Amino acid sequence: MPSKATNKTYSCPVEVTLDVVGGKWKSLILYHLINRKILRFSEFRKLVPSVTAQMLAAQLRELEADRIVSRKVYAQVPPKVEYSLTSFGDSLAPIIFAMTAWGMDYAKTSGSRITL
């Protein structure tokens, strides 16, 4: 599957970054992979219960196509599939950490609640 960013023209580098990792679900997927290293599909569903199975699968496929996430399939019954960050995907950790810190600060000042 080709990357979403292949053969596109962008007006600035931030637009490229947002195209690859932007959106509600991809950021959450990255956050959980950075913190837990390896996750199975069902574990994602428990960590992010508001995402549909179809949307989660689509977002994981896009992250895999963009070389951010690696998918490992085990030949067994029932099938076992694990997701982890690639070394390229690991380079996003500082961005996700910065978003985490900003979100925690904002939640404190706005009276929002974060359930981890």
Protein backbone atom coordinates (compact mmCIF):
# COMPACT_ATOMS: atom_id res chain seq x y z
CA MET A 1 0.00 0.00 0.00
CA PRO A 2 1.51 3.36 -0.96
CA SER A 3 1.99 6.08 1.61
CA LYS A 4 -0.62 8.83 1.87
CA ALA A 5 2.13 11.41 1.38
CA THR A 6 3.50 9.91 -1.85
CA ASN A 7 3.67 12.35 -4.77
CA LYS A 8 1.85 15.14 -2.93
CA THR A 9 2.77 18.79 -2.76
CA TYR A 10 2.66 20.53 0.60
CA SER A 11 2.83 24.18 1.55
CA CYS A 12 5.02 23.56 4.63
CA PRO A 13 6.66 20.73 6.63
CA VAL A 14 4.02 20.89 9.37
CA GLU A 15 1.40 19.95 6.77
CA VAL A 16 3.40 16.82 5.88
CA THR A 17 3.64 15.82 9.54
CA LEU A 18 -0.08 16.34 10.10
CA ASP A 19 -0.91 14.38 6.97
CA VAL A 20 1.05 11.39 8.24
CA VAL A 21 0.25 11.43 11.98
CA GLY A 22 -2.57 13.93 12.36
CA GLY A 23 -6.09 13.19 13.37
CA LYS A 24 -7.66 11.92 16.53
CA TRP A 25 -6.87 8.23 16.23
CA LYS A 26 -3.31 8.16 14.91
CA SER A 27 -2.07 10.34 17.76
CA LEU A 28 -3.70 8.00 20.28
CA ILE A 29 -2.29 4.92 18.56
CA LEU A 30 1.20 6.45 18.68
CA TYR A 31 0.81 7.47 22.32
CA HIS A 32 -0.08 3.93 23.37
CA LEU A 33 2.63 2.30 21.24
CA ILE A 34 5.28 4.63 22.68
CA ASN A 35 4.19 3.75 26.21
CA ARG A 36 3.59 0.01 25.75
CA LYS A 37 5.95 -0.88 22.86
CA ILE A 38 3.87 -3.78 21.44
CA LEU A 39 0.10 -4.00 21.21
CA ARG A 40 -2.42 -6.33 19.68
CA PHE A 41 -5.54 -5.08 17.92
CA SER A 42 -7.81 -6.11 20.82
CA GLU A 43 -5.58 -4.20 23.25
CA PHE A 44 -5.97 -1.05 21.15
CA ARG A 45 -9.73 -1.52 21.28
CA LYS A 46 -9.62 -1.64 25.09
CA LEU A 47 -7.32 1.38 25.35
CA VAL A 48 -9.35 3.45 22.87
CA PRO A 49 -12.93 2.12 23.17
CA SER A 50 -14.49 4.97 21.19
CA VAL A 51 -12.74 4.02 17.92
CA THR A 52 -14.54 1.58 15.64
CA ALA A 53 -12.77 -1.58 14.53
CA GLN A 54 -12.91 -0.40 10.91
CA MET A 55 -11.40 2.99 11.70
CA LEU A 56 -8.68 1.49 13.89
CA ALA A 57 -7.74 -1.00 11.16
CA ALA A 58 -7.65 1.78 8.55
CA GLN A 59 -5.47 4.03 10.73
CA LEU A 60 -3.06 1.19 11.51
CA ARG A 61 -2.81 0.36 7.78
CA GLU A 62 -2.00 4.00 6.97
CA LEU A 63 0.65 4.18 9.69
CA GLU A 64 2.12 0.94 8.37
CA ALA A 65 2.16 2.29 4.80
CA ASP A 66 3.97 5.39 6.05
CA ARG A 67 6.60 3.18 7.78
CA ILE A 68 5.61 4.43 11.24
CA VAL A 69 4.15 1.17 12.54
CA SER A 70 5.27 -2.40 12.00
CA ARG A 71 2.77 -5.27 11.83
CA LYS A 72 3.92 -8.76 12.79
CA VAL A 73 1.66 -11.72 11.98
CA TYR A 74 2.18 -15.03 13.75
CA ALA A 75 1.21 -18.19 11.86
CA GLN A 76 -1.11 -19.74 14.41
CA VAL A 77 -4.80 -20.36 15.01
CA PRO A 78 -6.36 -18.07 15.99
CA PRO A 79 -4.18 -15.55 14.16
CA LYS A 80 -2.02 -13.32 16.33
CA VAL A 81 -1.00 -9.88 15.09
CA GLU A 82 1.20 -7.44 16.99
CA TYR A 83 1.86 -3.79 16.24
CA SER A 84 4.95 -1.83 17.24
CA LEU A 85 6.73 1.33 16.21
CA THR A 86 9.44 1.15 13.59
CA SER A 87 12.72 2.94 14.28
CA PHE A 88 11.38 5.70 12.03
CA GLY A 89 8.18 5.75 14.10
CA ASP A 90 10.25 6.02 17.29
CA SER A 91 11.46 9.39 16.02
CA LEU A 92 7.94 10.70 16.69
CA ALA A 93 8.26 10.10 20.45
CA PRO A 94 9.47 13.65 21.27
CA ILE A 95 6.49 15.09 19.40
CA ILE A 96 4.03 12.84 21.24
CA PHE A 97 5.74 13.58 24.58
CA ALA A 98 5.42 17.32 23.89
CA MET A 99 1.72 16.87 23.04
CA THR A 100 1.28 14.86 26.26
CA ALA A 101 2.89 17.55 28.41
CA TRP A 102 0.91 20.31 26.71
CA GLY A 103 -2.32 18.35 27.13
CA MET A 104 -1.65 17.75 30.84
CA ASP A 105 -0.96 21.47 31.41
CA TYR A 106 -4.04 22.49 29.46
CA ALA A 107 -6.23 20.03 31.33
CA LYS A 108 -5.07 21.48 34.65
CA THR A 109 -5.82 25.07 33.63
CA SER A 110 -9.12 24.31 31.92
CA GLY A 111 -10.53 21.99 34.57
CA SER A 112 -10.58 19.07 32.16
CA ARG A 113 -10.15 15.53 33.38
CA ILE A 114 -7.78 12.93 31.94
CA THR A 115 -8.39 9.25 32.68
CA LEU A 116 -5.33 7.14 32.01
